[in-house]
Protein backbone atom coordinates (compact mmCIF):
# COMPACT_ATOMS: atom_id res chain seq x y z
CA MET A 1 -29.96 35.16 16.68
CA ALA A 2 -27.89 37.22 19.06
CA ASP A 3 -25.11 34.65 19.64
CA GLY A 4 -24.76 33.72 15.94
CA TRP A 5 -26.47 30.34 16.37
CA MET A 6 -28.69 29.31 13.50
CA GLN A 7 -31.36 26.68 13.75
CA PRO A 8 -30.30 23.66 11.66
CA PHE A 9 -32.06 23.24 8.32
CA PHE A 10 -33.74 19.99 9.39
CA GLU A 11 -35.35 21.81 12.31
CA GLN A 12 -36.72 24.58 10.07
CA GLN A 13 -39.03 22.33 8.07
CA ALA A 14 -40.28 18.77 8.08
CA LEU A 15 -38.13 16.37 6.10
CA ARG A 16 -39.81 13.38 4.54
CA PHE A 17 -38.07 10.12 3.71
CA GLU A 18 -39.20 6.63 2.83
CA CYS A 19 -36.65 4.10 1.62
CA THR A 20 -37.76 2.42 -1.59
CA GLY A 21 -35.01 -0.21 -1.47
CA CYS A 22 -33.70 0.85 -4.88
CA GLY A 23 -30.08 0.42 -3.80
CA ARG A 24 -28.80 3.56 -5.52
CA CYS A 25 -27.30 4.78 -2.24
CA CYS A 26 -25.26 1.54 -2.22
CA VAL A 27 -23.44 2.31 -5.46
CA ALA A 28 -20.76 4.94 -5.35
CA GLY A 29 -17.73 6.39 -7.04
CA ASP A 30 -14.04 6.03 -6.29
CA ASP A 31 -13.90 8.36 -3.28
CA TYR A 32 -16.85 6.86 -1.43
CA TYR A 33 -16.55 4.15 1.19
CA VAL A 34 -18.81 2.46 3.71
CA TYR A 35 -16.91 2.79 6.98
CA MET A 36 -17.59 0.40 9.82
CA SER A 37 -16.45 -0.12 13.37
CA ASP A 38 -15.07 -3.43 14.64
CA ALA A 39 -18.43 -4.12 16.31
CA GLU A 40 -20.35 -3.42 13.09
CA ALA A 41 -18.02 -5.68 11.08
CA GLU A 42 -18.44 -8.46 13.64
CA ALA A 43 -22.25 -8.14 13.58
CA ILE A 44 -22.24 -8.42 9.79
CA ARG A 45 -19.85 -11.39 9.88
CA ALA A 46 -22.06 -13.19 12.40
CA HIS A 47 -25.19 -12.39 10.38
CA LEU A 48 -23.61 -13.93 7.28
CA GLN A 49 -22.34 -16.85 9.36
CA LEU A 50 -18.83 -16.68 7.91
CA SER A 51 -15.43 -17.36 9.41
CA ARG A 52 -13.50 -14.26 10.44
CA SER A 53 -10.69 -14.88 7.96
CA TRP A 54 -13.03 -15.47 4.98
CA PHE A 55 -15.14 -12.44 5.91
CA ARG A 56 -12.08 -10.17 6.14
CA ARG A 57 -10.67 -11.39 2.81
CA ARG A 58 -13.95 -11.26 0.90
CA TYR A 59 -15.84 -8.34 2.37
CA LEU A 60 -13.45 -5.84 3.97
CA GLU A 61 -10.74 -3.48 2.84
CA ARG A 62 -8.38 -1.19 4.75
CA LEU A 63 -7.68 2.30 3.51
CA GLU A 64 -4.15 3.73 3.67
CA GLU A 65 -5.15 5.64 6.82
CA GLY A 66 -6.12 2.33 8.43
CA ASP A 67 -9.90 2.79 8.34
CA ARG A 68 -11.96 -0.38 7.79
CA VAL A 69 -14.44 -0.20 4.93
CA ALA A 70 -16.74 -2.54 3.05
CA ALA A 71 -15.28 -3.80 -0.18
CA SER A 72 -16.90 -2.73 -3.41
CA GLY A 73 -16.90 -4.08 -6.90
CA PRO A 74 -15.33 -2.39 -9.91
CA ASP A 75 -18.76 -0.91 -10.69
CA GLY A 76 -18.93 0.71 -7.24
CA ARG A 77 -21.63 -1.64 -5.95
CA CYS A 78 -21.42 -2.46 -2.27
CA VAL A 79 -20.22 -6.01 -1.70
CA PHE A 80 -23.29 -6.68 0.46
CA LEU A 81 -25.80 -6.12 -2.36
CA ASP A 82 -27.41 -9.22 -3.81
CA ASP A 83 -28.11 -9.78 -7.52
CA GLU A 84 -31.41 -7.86 -7.24
CA GLY A 85 -29.69 -4.87 -5.63
CA ARG A 86 -31.02 -5.60 -2.13
CA CYS A 87 -28.89 -5.41 1.00
CA ARG A 88 -28.03 -8.84 2.36
CA VAL A 89 -27.07 -7.39 5.76
CA TYR A 90 -29.92 -4.90 6.16
CA PRO A 91 -30.79 -5.84 9.79
CA VAL A 92 -27.15 -5.30 10.87
CA ARG A 93 -26.01 -2.67 8.37
CA PRO A 94 -23.46 -0.10 9.59
CA LEU A 95 -24.49 3.26 11.07
CA GLN A 96 -23.43 4.97 7.88
CA CYS A 97 -26.08 3.01 6.01
CA SER A 98 -28.81 3.03 8.65
CA SER A 99 -28.55 6.79 9.16
CA TYR A 100 -28.82 7.67 5.47
CA PRO A 101 -29.93 10.22 4.28
CA PHE A 102 -29.66 12.01 7.62
CA TRP A 103 -25.94 12.66 7.38
CA PRO A 104 -24.65 16.04 8.58
CA GLU A 105 -23.56 17.06 5.08
CA VAL A 106 -26.94 16.16 3.57
CA VAL A 107 -29.17 17.93 6.11
CA ARG A 108 -26.97 21.02 6.51
CA SER A 109 -28.97 22.99 3.94
CA ARG A 110 -31.98 22.88 1.66
CA THR A 111 -29.61 22.85 -1.32
CA ALA A 112 -27.70 19.81 -0.04
CA TRP A 113 -30.98 17.99 0.73
CA GLN A 114 -32.41 18.66 -2.74
CA ARG A 115 -29.11 17.69 -4.40
CA GLU A 116 -29.24 14.32 -2.62
CA ALA A 117 -32.92 13.96 -3.64
CA ARG A 118 -31.76 13.79 -7.27
CA ARG A 119 -29.86 10.61 -6.36
CA CYS A 120 -32.35 9.14 -3.86
CA GLU A 121 -35.96 8.63 -4.88
CA GLY A 122 -37.00 8.14 -1.23
CA ILE A 123 -36.17 11.71 -0.24
CA ASN A 124 -39.26 13.96 -0.08
CA ARG A 125 -41.65 11.02 -0.06
CA GLY A 126 -43.45 9.21 2.72
CA LYS A 127 -44.06 10.54 6.20
CA ALA A 128 -42.12 13.33 7.87
CA VAL A 129 -39.29 12.03 10.04
CA ALA A 130 -39.32 13.37 13.59
CA THR A 131 -36.82 16.16 14.15
CA GLY A 132 -35.56 14.41 17.28
CA ARG A 133 -34.79 11.27 15.28
CA ILE A 134 -32.92 13.26 12.64
CA ARG A 135 -30.92 15.05 15.35
CA GLU A 136 -30.10 11.66 16.93
CA LEU A 137 -28.82 10.29 13.61
CA VAL A 138 -26.80 13.41 12.79
CA ASN A 139 -25.19 13.34 16.24
CA ALA A 140 -24.41 9.61 15.92
CA CYS A 141 -22.72 10.25 12.56
CA ARG A 142 -20.66 13.10 14.01
CA ALA A 143 -19.63 10.97 17.00
CA ALA A 144 -18.53 8.13 14.69
CA GLU A 145 -16.37 10.33 12.46
CA PRO A 146 -12.66 9.52 12.65
CA ASP A 147 -10.56 12.03 14.55
């Protein structure tokens, strides 16, 4: 295009996604965290019906930079996964979780999308997700990024 603008990858073709509930996106390595706002943490705490102090001690961590994140086990499993690998806070999960896999870094290119598909069995299955919905999720993720 004349002004150098390129149409985003997710607007160039239909992207299909259907969560299978496998929980693989909830297990990560050392440099991966589930960030959450104060409001998201409070919604999860209320959903679990826990006291604020117990919830903070058991389920939250603070990174050196001060960001609040969900705790994880030594195996990288999210602290909110149950024994069957299902999310115990699914109805109130943080934006980071509810927007997956429509994160800016995943939908930036076909290569990134296909790379993530090797980890997530729900990518490229099910119905096509509306481009407007993907754009909404990408923009919400960008808006929530720390400064």
